[in-house]
Structure formats: structure tokens, C-alpha cells
Amino acid sequence: MLTQLTRFASVMEVELREATMDVRASFPTAEKYGIGGGGSAMDALSYTIGLGTGAARDRVVELVRRAEAACHAANSLRAPITARLLVNGEDVPI
């Protein structure tokens, strides 16, 4: 996401003096260790972007929205995931 931000900042001529990102995630551990159910998918993912800039707030918001829309990682996490197993060319249920 920061890579997208810096690229779009350059294109949009938004000055960035500082750019930081804090990413936090939580995961259940019971299923991983075989001591309970509940799955092993991430419970929550959040991030905070910190920007140092002299640009107008509306330009910064526009910049972040454009960067989020173009971020492959963020958009991949929002998309459904499907899995398939082929064994010797034959579909096998997982």
C-alpha cells in the first residue's frame, strides 16, 4: 500500500514528507494446535496510514482512495478465494 501511495503521490503531485503504515492482524490458535474448532482464518486485519504532508486534506484523501483502489494486496484480501486439487489431471475434492 505504501508503494502505491508514493507512486500516486508523485503522479498527483501530492507532497509526502513522511509515510508510515502500521498493520495489525489477529488469528485464532486453537484449530492450529488441534485443541478446538473455529477455523484458522484471520479474525481481523486493520491498518493505519500516517502521512506527513503540506497538501490539502481533500487531496490526501483522494490520494489514499486511489492507492487503495489500485493495491493488489488489499484487493486480493477482499476477494473470495477458491481452491482446487488436481491429482494426475483429475479433480479431487479437498
N, C-alpha and C. Protein backbone atom coordinates (compact mmCIF):
# COMPACT_ATOMS: atom_id res chain seq x y z
N MET A 1 0.81 -1.19 0.00
CA MET A 1 0.00 0.00 0.00
C MET A 1 0.86 1.26 0.00
N LEU A 2 1.93 1.27 0.79
CA LEU A 2 2.80 2.45 0.79
C LEU A 2 3.45 2.67 -0.56
N THR A 3 3.77 1.58 -1.25
CA THR A 3 4.35 1.71 -2.59
C THR A 3 3.36 2.41 -3.51
N GLN A 4 2.09 1.99 -3.46
CA GLN A 4 1.06 2.63 -4.27
C GLN A 4 0.92 4.11 -3.89
N LEU A 5 0.93 4.39 -2.59
CA LEU A 5 0.80 5.77 -2.14
C LEU A 5 1.90 6.66 -2.69
N THR A 6 3.13 6.19 -2.60
CA THR A 6 4.23 7.03 -3.08
C THR A 6 4.19 7.21 -4.60
N ARG A 7 3.79 6.17 -5.30
CA ARG A 7 3.67 6.29 -6.77
C ARG A 7 2.59 7.30 -7.14
N PHE A 8 1.40 7.14 -6.54
CA PHE A 8 0.31 8.05 -6.86
C PHE A 8 0.59 9.46 -6.37
N ALA A 9 1.29 9.61 -5.25
CA ALA A 9 1.64 10.95 -4.76
C ALA A 9 2.47 11.69 -5.81
N SER A 10 3.40 10.97 -6.42
CA SER A 10 4.22 11.57 -7.46
C SER A 10 3.38 11.98 -8.66
N VAL A 11 2.52 11.10 -9.12
CA VAL A 11 1.68 11.36 -10.29
C VAL A 11 0.70 12.51 -10.01
N MET A 12 0.13 12.50 -8.79
CA MET A 12 -0.87 13.51 -8.43
C MET A 12 -0.25 14.80 -7.90
N GLU A 13 1.08 14.82 -7.80
CA GLU A 13 1.81 15.97 -7.28
C GLU A 13 1.37 16.34 -5.87
N VAL A 14 1.26 15.30 -5.02
CA VAL A 14 0.96 15.48 -3.60
C VAL A 14 2.26 15.26 -2.84
N GLU A 15 2.73 16.29 -2.16
CA GLU A 15 3.99 16.20 -1.42
C GLU A 15 3.83 15.26 -0.21
N LEU A 16 4.76 14.32 -0.08
CA LEU A 16 4.82 13.47 1.10
C LEU A 16 6.18 13.65 1.75
N ARG A 17 6.18 14.10 2.98
CA ARG A 17 7.42 14.21 3.75
C ARG A 17 7.67 12.93 4.55
N GLU A 18 6.58 12.27 4.89
CA GLU A 18 6.68 11.05 5.70
C GLU A 18 5.49 10.15 5.36
N ALA A 19 5.75 8.85 5.33
CA ALA A 19 4.68 7.87 5.11
C ALA A 19 4.97 6.64 5.94
N THR A 20 4.04 6.30 6.82
CA THR A 20 4.19 5.12 7.66
C THR A 20 2.91 4.30 7.58
N MET A 21 3.05 3.03 7.91
CA MET A 21 1.88 2.15 7.92
C MET A 21 2.06 1.14 9.04
N ASP A 22 1.05 1.03 9.88
CA ASP A 22 1.03 0.06 10.97
C ASP A 22 -0.04 -0.97 10.63
N VAL A 23 0.35 -2.24 10.51
CA VAL A 23 -0.58 -3.30 10.14
C VAL A 23 -0.73 -4.24 11.32
N ARG A 24 -1.97 -4.56 11.66
CA ARG A 24 -2.26 -5.46 12.78
C ARG A 24 -3.21 -6.55 12.32
N ALA A 25 -2.97 -7.77 12.79
CA ALA A 25 -3.85 -8.89 12.47
C ALA A 25 -3.99 -9.78 13.70
N SER A 26 -5.12 -10.44 13.80
CA SER A 26 -5.29 -11.42 14.88
C SER A 26 -5.81 -12.72 14.28
N PHE A 27 -5.32 -13.81 14.85
CA PHE A 27 -5.65 -15.15 14.36
C PHE A 27 -6.05 -16.03 15.54
N PRO A 28 -7.05 -16.90 15.36
CA PRO A 28 -7.33 -17.88 16.39
C PRO A 28 -6.25 -18.96 16.36
N THR A 29 -5.91 -19.52 17.49
CA THR A 29 -4.83 -20.52 17.52
C THR A 29 -5.31 -21.91 17.89
N ALA A 30 -6.52 -22.06 18.39
CA ALA A 30 -7.00 -23.37 18.85
C ALA A 30 -6.96 -24.41 17.74
N GLU A 31 -7.49 -24.09 16.57
CA GLU A 31 -7.53 -25.05 15.45
C GLU A 31 -6.11 -25.43 15.02
N LYS A 32 -5.22 -24.46 14.99
CA LYS A 32 -3.83 -24.70 14.59
C LYS A 32 -3.17 -25.76 15.45
N TYR A 33 -3.46 -25.72 16.74
CA TYR A 33 -2.83 -26.65 17.66
C TYR A 33 -3.71 -27.86 17.99
N GLY A 34 -4.83 -28.01 17.29
CA GLY A 34 -5.68 -29.18 17.46
C GLY A 34 -6.39 -29.24 18.80
N ILE A 35 -6.66 -28.08 19.40
CA ILE A 35 -7.32 -28.09 20.71
C ILE A 35 -8.70 -27.46 20.67
N GLY A 36 -9.24 -27.27 19.49
CA GLY A 36 -10.58 -26.71 19.39
C GLY A 36 -10.92 -26.34 17.97
N GLY A 37 -12.16 -25.99 17.78
CA GLY A 37 -12.62 -25.61 16.45
C GLY A 37 -12.52 -24.12 16.25
N GLY A 38 -13.25 -23.67 15.24
CA GLY A 38 -13.29 -22.23 14.99
C GLY A 38 -12.50 -21.80 13.78
N GLY A 39 -11.78 -22.70 13.15
CA GLY A 39 -11.04 -22.35 11.95
C GLY A 39 -9.72 -21.67 12.25
N SER A 40 -9.02 -21.38 11.19
CA SER A 40 -7.71 -20.75 11.34
C SER A 40 -7.60 -19.47 10.52
N ALA A 41 -8.72 -19.00 9.97
CA ALA A 41 -8.70 -17.76 9.19
C ALA A 41 -8.48 -16.56 10.10
N MET A 42 -7.93 -15.54 9.54
CA MET A 42 -7.67 -14.31 10.27
C MET A 42 -8.99 -13.77 10.83
N ASP A 43 -8.99 -13.38 12.09
CA ASP A 43 -10.17 -12.78 12.71
C ASP A 43 -10.35 -11.34 12.26
N ALA A 44 -9.25 -10.63 12.19
CA ALA A 44 -9.32 -9.21 11.87
C ALA A 44 -8.00 -8.74 11.29
N LEU A 45 -8.09 -7.77 10.41
CA LEU A 45 -6.92 -7.12 9.83
C LEU A 45 -7.22 -5.63 9.78
N SER A 46 -6.32 -4.84 10.29
CA SER A 46 -6.51 -3.39 10.22
C SER A 46 -5.16 -2.73 9.94
N TYR A 47 -5.25 -1.56 9.34
CA TYR A 47 -4.02 -0.81 9.13
C TYR A 47 -4.29 0.67 9.33
N THR A 48 -3.25 1.36 9.75
CA THR A 48 -3.30 2.80 9.94
C THR A 48 -2.20 3.41 9.09
N ILE A 49 -2.57 4.36 8.28
CA ILE A 49 -1.61 5.07 7.44
C ILE A 49 -1.32 6.42 8.09
N GLY A 50 -0.06 6.74 8.22
CA GLY A 50 0.35 8.05 8.75
C GLY A 50 1.09 8.80 7.67
N LEU A 51 0.62 9.99 7.35
CA LEU A 51 1.25 10.79 6.29
C LEU A 51 1.63 12.16 6.83
N GLY A 52 2.84 12.58 6.51
CA GLY A 52 3.29 13.94 6.77
C GLY A 52 3.29 14.67 5.45
N THR A 53 2.49 15.72 5.34
CA THR A 53 2.33 16.41 4.06
C THR A 53 1.86 17.84 4.28
N GLY A 54 2.14 18.68 3.34
CA GLY A 54 1.62 20.04 3.34
C GLY A 54 0.41 20.17 2.43
N ALA A 55 -0.01 19.06 1.83
CA ALA A 55 -1.12 19.06 0.87
C ALA A 55 -2.46 19.24 1.60
N ALA A 56 -3.44 19.72 0.87
CA ALA A 56 -4.79 19.88 1.41
C ALA A 56 -5.37 18.51 1.74
N ARG A 57 -6.17 18.47 2.80
CA ARG A 57 -6.74 17.22 3.29
C ARG A 57 -7.53 16.47 2.20
N ASP A 58 -8.32 17.18 1.39
CA ASP A 58 -9.11 16.51 0.36
C ASP A 58 -8.21 15.86 -0.69
N ARG A 59 -7.06 16.45 -0.99
CA ARG A 59 -6.11 15.85 -1.93
C ARG A 59 -5.49 14.59 -1.34
N VAL A 60 -5.22 14.60 -0.03
CA VAL A 60 -4.65 13.43 0.64
C VAL A 60 -5.66 12.29 0.66
N VAL A 61 -6.92 12.61 0.95
CA VAL A 61 -7.97 11.59 0.93
C VAL A 61 -8.11 10.99 -0.47
N GLU A 62 -8.10 11.84 -1.49
CA GLU A 62 -8.17 11.36 -2.87
C GLU A 62 -6.98 10.45 -3.19
N LEU A 63 -5.81 10.84 -2.73
CA LEU A 63 -4.60 10.03 -2.94
C LEU A 63 -4.75 8.65 -2.30
N VAL A 64 -5.18 8.60 -1.06
CA VAL A 64 -5.32 7.32 -0.36
C VAL A 64 -6.39 6.46 -1.03
N ARG A 65 -7.48 7.04 -1.43
CA ARG A 65 -8.54 6.27 -2.11
C ARG A 65 -8.04 5.68 -3.42
N ARG A 66 -7.29 6.45 -4.17
CA ARG A 66 -6.72 5.93 -5.43
C ARG A 66 -5.74 4.81 -5.17
N ALA A 67 -4.89 4.98 -4.17
CA ALA A 67 -3.89 3.96 -3.84
C ALA A 67 -4.57 2.68 -3.37
N GLU A 68 -5.60 2.80 -2.53
CA GLU A 68 -6.33 1.61 -2.07
C GLU A 68 -6.99 0.89 -3.23
N ALA A 69 -7.58 1.63 -4.15
CA ALA A 69 -8.26 1.02 -5.29
C ALA A 69 -7.29 0.27 -6.19
N ALA A 70 -6.03 0.69 -6.23
CA ALA A 70 -5.03 0.08 -7.10
C ALA A 70 -4.16 -0.95 -6.39
N CYS A 71 -4.33 -1.13 -5.10
CA CYS A 71 -3.45 -2.01 -4.33
C CYS A 71 -3.85 -3.48 -4.51
N HIS A 72 -2.99 -4.25 -5.15
CA HIS A 72 -3.27 -5.66 -5.40
C HIS A 72 -3.43 -6.45 -4.11
N ALA A 73 -2.59 -6.18 -3.13
CA ALA A 73 -2.65 -6.93 -1.87
C ALA A 73 -3.97 -6.69 -1.14
N ALA A 74 -4.35 -5.44 -0.97
CA ALA A 74 -5.60 -5.13 -0.27
C ALA A 74 -6.80 -5.70 -1.02
N ASN A 75 -6.81 -5.55 -2.32
CA ASN A 75 -7.94 -6.07 -3.11
C ASN A 75 -7.98 -7.58 -3.14
N SER A 76 -6.83 -8.23 -3.08
CA SER A 76 -6.80 -9.69 -3.02
C SER A 76 -7.40 -10.21 -1.72
N LEU A 77 -7.17 -9.51 -0.63
CA LEU A 77 -7.73 -9.92 0.66
C LEU A 77 -9.25 -9.74 0.69
N ARG A 78 -9.77 -8.84 -0.10
CA ARG A 78 -11.21 -8.60 -0.14
C ARG A 78 -11.94 -9.57 -1.07
N ALA A 79 -11.22 -10.23 -1.94
CA ALA A 79 -11.84 -11.11 -2.94
C ALA A 79 -12.01 -12.53 -2.39
N PRO A 80 -13.06 -13.23 -2.83
CA PRO A 80 -13.22 -14.62 -2.42
C PRO A 80 -12.08 -15.48 -2.99
N ILE A 81 -11.72 -16.49 -2.24
CA ILE A 81 -10.65 -17.40 -2.65
C ILE A 81 -11.25 -18.77 -2.91
N THR A 82 -10.85 -19.38 -4.01
CA THR A 82 -11.29 -20.74 -4.31
C THR A 82 -10.05 -21.63 -4.43
N ALA A 83 -10.23 -22.89 -4.11
CA ALA A 83 -9.12 -23.84 -4.19
C ALA A 83 -9.57 -25.08 -4.94
N ARG A 84 -8.65 -25.64 -5.69
CA ARG A 84 -8.90 -26.85 -6.46
C ARG A 84 -7.70 -27.74 -6.36
N LEU A 85 -7.92 -29.04 -6.31
CA LEU A 85 -6.82 -30.00 -6.29
C LEU A 85 -6.94 -30.89 -7.50
N LEU A 86 -5.85 -30.97 -8.28
CA LEU A 86 -5.77 -31.89 -9.42
C LEU A 86 -4.70 -32.92 -9.09
N VAL A 87 -5.07 -34.18 -9.14
CA VAL A 87 -4.11 -35.27 -8.96
C VAL A 87 -4.09 -36.05 -10.26
N ASN A 88 -2.93 -36.03 -10.92
CA ASN A 88 -2.79 -36.65 -12.23
C ASN A 88 -3.87 -36.20 -13.19
N GLY A 89 -4.18 -34.90 -13.15
CA GLY A 89 -5.15 -34.32 -14.07
C GLY A 89 -6.60 -34.50 -13.66
N GLU A 90 -6.87 -35.18 -12.55
CA GLU A 90 -8.24 -35.44 -12.13
C GLU A 90 -8.59 -34.56 -10.93
N ASP A 91 -9.78 -33.93 -10.99
CA ASP A 91 -10.27 -33.13 -9.85
C ASP A 91 -10.49 -34.03 -8.65
N VAL A 92 -9.93 -33.63 -7.52
CA VAL A 92 -10.10 -34.38 -6.28
C VAL A 92 -10.67 -33.43 -5.23
N PRO A 93 -11.78 -33.81 -4.58
CA PRO A 93 -12.32 -32.94 -3.53
C PRO A 93 -11.31 -32.77 -2.40
N ILE A 94 -11.27 -31.58 -1.88
CA ILE A 94 -10.37 -31.31 -0.75
C ILE A 94 -11.18 -31.33 0.52
